[in-house]
Amino acid sequence: MKTIIAFFILLSFGACQSSSQKAGTEKENYELQKAALLKKEQKDPVLFLSVIGHDKKNLIGQTVVKGSIHNSATIAVFKDVDLQLSFYSKTKALLETDKETIFEQVSPGQSKEFKTKYFAPKGTDSVALKVLSAKVVE
């Protein structure tokens, strides 16, 4: 009888060790996947950043561009986002391009608002926005 009880105790002890080893392995796998995803997101921030916005003229003739930068990454945090502003005429001819850096930190799933003013070229009808690059927050 004692041997049967001892056998069940050893069996349950072995099951507990197996369960804890499995939990450790799952955590290691999760950490490896998380590190790989972070590396991918940090490699090309432009894939995970998007920008939307609109423009209007103010009283002194400047073009005011208001917009929002959104980070769709799941882990990576970006900052100092470089934008390209392209000024177009009514006939969609490209008049000028400028570069603007938005000095904000954008966390995963977060959006940041921005506002900038330009003396746009004569004949500007619209402004297009595009993300060029961003720095990765370590």
C-alpha atoms as a PDB file:
ATOM      1  CA  MET A   1       0.000   0.000   0.000  1.00  0.00           C
ATOM      2  CA  LYS A   2       2.841   2.380   0.874  1.00  0.00           C
ATOM      3  CA  THR A   3       4.497   1.694  -2.452  1.00  0.00           C
ATOM      4  CA  ILE A   4       1.313   2.568  -4.336  1.00  0.00           C
ATOM      5  CA  ILE A   5       0.986   5.856  -2.417  1.00  0.00           C
ATOM      6  CA  ALA A   6       4.666   6.634  -3.001  1.00  0.00           C
ATOM      7  CA  PHE A   7       4.186   5.867  -6.717  1.00  0.00           C
ATOM      8  CA  PHE A   8       1.245   8.337  -6.974  1.00  0.00           C
ATOM      9  CA  ILE A   9       3.208  11.002  -5.085  1.00  0.00           C
ATOM     10  CA  LEU A  10       6.165  10.636  -7.473  1.00  0.00           C
ATOM     11  CA  LEU A  11       3.833  10.646 -10.466  1.00  0.00           C
ATOM     12  CA  SER A  12       2.110  13.858  -9.359  1.00  0.00           C
ATOM     13  CA  PHE A  13       5.496  15.472  -8.555  1.00  0.00           C
ATOM     14  CA  GLY A  14       6.695  14.622 -12.063  1.00  0.00           C
ATOM     15  CA  ALA A  15       3.547  16.122 -13.577  1.00  0.00           C
ATOM     16  CA  CYS A  16       4.133  19.363 -11.662  1.00  0.00           C
ATOM     17  CA  GLN A  17       7.690  19.594 -12.960  1.00  0.00           C
ATOM     18  CA  SER A  18       6.529  18.938 -16.512  1.00  0.00           C
ATOM     19  CA  SER A  19       3.889  21.660 -16.190  1.00  0.00           C
ATOM     20  CA  SER A  20       6.395  24.224 -14.886  1.00  0.00           C
ATOM     21  CA  GLN A  21       8.890  23.345 -17.633  1.00  0.00           C
ATOM     22  CA  LYS A  22       6.157  23.762 -20.237  1.00  0.00           C
ATOM     23  CA  ALA A  23       5.218  27.174 -18.803  1.00  0.00           C
ATOM     24  CA  GLY A  24       8.887  28.222 -18.923  1.00  0.00           C
ATOM     25  CA  THR A  25       9.199  27.119 -22.554  1.00  0.00           C
ATOM     26  CA  GLU A  26       6.013  28.961 -23.543  1.00  0.00           C
ATOM     27  CA  LYS A  27       7.302  32.136 -21.897  1.00  0.00           C
ATOM     28  CA  GLU A  28      10.637  31.818 -23.717  1.00  0.00           C
ATOM     29  CA  ASN A  29       8.817  31.321 -27.040  1.00  0.00           C
ATOM     30  CA  TYR A  30       6.652  34.360 -26.336  1.00  0.00           C
ATOM     31  CA  GLU A  31       9.700  36.493 -25.539  1.00  0.00           C
ATOM     32  CA  LEU A  32      11.454  35.338 -28.720  1.00  0.00           C
ATOM     33  CA  GLN A  33       8.392  36.151 -30.844  1.00  0.00           C
ATOM     34  CA  LYS A  34       8.063  39.526 -29.147  1.00  0.00           C
ATOM     35  CA  ALA A  35      11.744  40.339 -29.825  1.00  0.00           C
ATOM     36  CA  ALA A  36      11.403  39.302 -33.483  1.00  0.00           C
ATOM     37  CA  LEU A  37       8.307  41.469 -33.915  1.00  0.00           C
ATOM     38  CA  LEU A  38      10.026  44.449 -32.280  1.00  0.00           C
ATOM     39  CA  LYS A  39      13.026  44.043 -34.587  1.00  0.00           C
ATOM     40  CA  LYS A  40      10.731  43.950 -37.652  1.00  0.00           C
ATOM     41  CA  GLU A  41       8.834  47.062 -36.547  1.00  0.00           C
ATOM     42  CA  GLN A  42      12.045  48.959 -35.770  1.00  0.00           C
ATOM     43  CA  LYS A  43      13.584  48.007 -39.121  1.00  0.00           C
ATOM     44  CA  ASP A  44      11.010  49.924 -41.193  1.00  0.00           C
ATOM     45  CA  PRO A  45       8.977  52.511 -39.232  1.00  0.00           C
ATOM     46  CA  VAL A  46       7.320  53.847 -42.399  1.00  0.00           C
ATOM     47  CA  LEU A  47       5.291  50.624 -42.693  1.00  0.00           C
ATOM     48  CA  PHE A  48       3.724  51.261 -39.279  1.00  0.00           C
ATOM     49  CA  LEU A  49       3.227  55.038 -39.384  1.00  0.00           C
ATOM     50  CA  SER A  50       0.463  56.800 -41.288  1.00  0.00           C
ATOM     51  CA  VAL A  51      -0.495  60.451 -41.588  1.00  0.00           C
ATOM     52  CA  ILE A  52      -3.748  62.203 -42.406  1.00  0.00           C
ATOM     53  CA  GLY A  53      -4.473  65.886 -42.491  1.00  0.00           C
ATOM     54  CA  HIS A  54      -6.066  68.893 -44.115  1.00  0.00           C
ATOM     55  CA  ASP A  55      -5.047  72.449 -44.969  1.00  0.00           C
ATOM     56  CA  LYS A  56      -6.568  75.921 -44.984  1.00  0.00           C
ATOM     57  CA  LYS A  57      -5.417  79.515 -45.453  1.00  0.00           C
ATOM     58  CA  ASN A  58      -5.143  81.847 -42.491  1.00  0.00           C
ATOM     59  CA  LEU A  59      -5.666  85.630 -42.463  1.00  0.00           C
ATOM     60  CA  ILE A  60      -2.078  86.481 -43.430  1.00  0.00           C
ATOM     61  CA  GLY A  61      -1.981  84.066 -46.397  1.00  0.00           C
ATOM     62  CA  GLN A  62      -0.167  81.166 -44.779  1.00  0.00           C
ATOM     63  CA  THR A  63      -1.242  77.611 -45.443  1.00  0.00           C
ATOM     64  CA  VAL A  64      -2.029  75.947 -42.121  1.00  0.00           C
ATOM     65  CA  VAL A  65      -1.680  72.172 -42.192  1.00  0.00           C
ATOM     66  CA  LYS A  66      -3.329  70.225 -39.352  1.00  0.00           C
ATOM     67  CA  GLY A  67      -2.963  66.483 -39.152  1.00  0.00           C
ATOM     68  CA  SER A  68      -2.503  63.336 -37.171  1.00  0.00           C
ATOM     69  CA  ILE A  69       0.242  60.706 -37.148  1.00  0.00           C
ATOM     70  CA  HIS A  70      -0.867  57.182 -36.205  1.00  0.00           C
ATOM     71  CA  ASN A  71       1.390  54.302 -35.070  1.00  0.00           C
ATOM     72  CA  SER A  72      -0.084  50.887 -35.986  1.00  0.00           C
ATOM     73  CA  ALA A  73       2.862  48.921 -34.536  1.00  0.00           C
ATOM     74  CA  THR A  74       2.201  46.607 -31.606  1.00  0.00           C
ATOM     75  CA  ILE A  75       5.459  47.081 -29.676  1.00  0.00           C
ATOM     76  CA  ALA A  76       7.726  49.741 -31.218  1.00  0.00           C
ATOM     77  CA  VAL A  77       7.622  53.388 -30.142  1.00  0.00           C
ATOM     78  CA  PHE A  78       8.660  56.044 -32.680  1.00  0.00           C
ATOM     79  CA  LYS A  79       9.676  59.694 -32.381  1.00  0.00           C
ATOM     80  CA  ASP A  80      10.791  62.624 -34.550  1.00  0.00           C
ATOM     81  CA  VAL A  81       8.657  61.701 -37.544  1.00  0.00           C
ATOM     82  CA  ASP A  82       9.807  63.219 -40.859  1.00  0.00           C
ATOM     83  CA  LEU A  83       6.969  64.201 -43.177  1.00  0.00           C
ATOM     84  CA  GLN A  84       6.985  65.284 -46.801  1.00  0.00           C
ATOM     85  CA  LEU A  85       4.529  68.023 -47.710  1.00  0.00           C
ATOM     86  CA  SER A  86       3.745  68.267 -51.428  1.00  0.00           C
ATOM     87  CA  PHE A  87       1.965  71.394 -52.686  1.00  0.00           C
ATOM     88  CA  TYR A  88      -0.240  70.920 -55.765  1.00  0.00           C
ATOM     89  CA  SER A  89      -2.077  73.293 -58.126  1.00  0.00           C
ATOM     90  CA  LYS A  90      -5.717  72.971 -59.229  1.00  0.00           C
ATOM     91  CA  THR A  91      -4.550  70.912 -62.219  1.00  0.00           C
ATOM     92  CA  LYS A  92      -2.628  68.566 -59.862  1.00  0.00           C
ATOM     93  CA  ALA A  93       0.773  69.869 -60.968  1.00  0.00           C
ATOM     94  CA  LEU A  94       3.422  69.544 -58.265  1.00  0.00           C
ATOM     95  CA  LEU A  95       4.539  73.033 -57.278  1.00  0.00           C
ATOM     96  CA  GLU A  96       6.905  72.354 -54.384  1.00  0.00           C
ATOM     97  CA  THR A  97       7.859  69.797 -51.748  1.00  0.00           C
ATOM     98  CA  ASP A  98       9.033  70.495 -48.217  1.00  0.00           C
ATOM     99  CA  LYS A  99      10.183  68.387 -45.316  1.00  0.00           C
ATOM    100  CA  GLU A 100       8.804  68.829 -41.793  1.00  0.00           C
ATOM    101  CA  THR A 101       9.847  66.983 -38.633  1.00  0.00           C
ATOM    102  CA  ILE A 102       7.223  66.406 -35.967  1.00  0.00           C
ATOM    103  CA  PHE A 103       9.060  66.211 -32.643  1.00  0.00           C
ATOM    104  CA  GLU A 104       6.612  63.947 -30.809  1.00  0.00           C
ATOM    105  CA  GLN A 105       6.765  60.420 -29.441  1.00  0.00           C
ATOM    106  CA  VAL A 106       4.116  58.065 -30.826  1.00  0.00           C
ATOM    107  CA  SER A 107       3.428  54.894 -28.833  1.00  0.00           C
ATOM    108  CA  PRO A 108       1.872  51.721 -30.308  1.00  0.00           C
ATOM    109  CA  GLY A 109      -1.759  52.214 -31.275  1.00  0.00           C
ATOM    110  CA  GLN A 110      -1.525  55.928 -30.467  1.00  0.00           C
ATOM    111  CA  SER A 111      -2.080  59.020 -32.625  1.00  0.00           C
ATOM    112  CA  LYS A 112      -0.459  62.441 -32.224  1.00  0.00           C
ATOM    113  CA  GLU A 113      -1.913  65.676 -33.549  1.00  0.00           C
ATOM    114  CA  PHE A 114       0.281  68.319 -35.216  1.00  0.00           C
ATOM    115  CA  LYS A 115      -0.071  71.749 -36.782  1.00  0.00           C
ATOM    116  CA  THR A 116       2.358  73.601 -39.047  1.00  0.00           C
ATOM    117  CA  LYS A 117       2.260  76.800 -41.108  1.00  0.00           C
ATOM    118  CA  TYR A 118       3.805  77.513 -44.519  1.00  0.00           C
ATOM    119  CA  PHE A 119       3.876  80.289 -47.057  1.00  0.00           C
ATOM    120  CA  ALA A 120       2.877  77.923 -49.844  1.00  0.00           C
ATOM    121  CA  PRO A 121       3.798  78.621 -53.458  1.00  0.00           C
ATOM    122  CA  LYS A 122       1.445  80.804 -55.469  1.00  0.00           C
ATOM    123  CA  GLY A 123      -1.404  78.765 -56.993  1.00  0.00           C
ATOM    124  CA  THR A 124      -1.444  76.065 -54.308  1.00  0.00           C
ATOM    125  CA  ASP A 125      -4.781  74.274 -54.202  1.00  0.00           C
ATOM    126  CA  SER A 126      -3.984  71.256 -52.021  1.00  0.00           C
ATOM    127  CA  VAL A 127      -1.298  69.698 -49.841  1.00  0.00           C
ATOM    128  CA  ALA A 128      -0.405  65.992 -49.696  1.00  0.00           C
ATOM    129  CA  LEU A 129       1.310  64.427 -46.668  1.00  0.00           C
ATOM    130  CA  LYS A 130       3.622  61.404 -46.592  1.00  0.00           C
ATOM    131  CA  VAL A 131       5.731  59.786 -43.837  1.00  0.00           C
ATOM    132  CA  LEU A 132       9.400  59.635 -44.864  1.00  0.00           C
ATOM    133  CA  SER A 133      11.081  58.257 -41.752  1.00  0.00           C
ATOM    134  CA  ALA A 134      11.113  58.177 -37.964  1.00  0.00           C
ATOM    135  CA  LYS A 135      13.510  57.414 -35.153  1.00  0.00           C
ATOM    136  CA  VAL A 136      13.029  54.422 -32.897  1.00  0.00           C
ATOM    137  CA  VAL A 137      12.749  54.927 -29.138  1.00  0.00           C
ATOM    138  CA  GLU A 138      15.020  52.358 -27.477  1.00  0.00           C
END
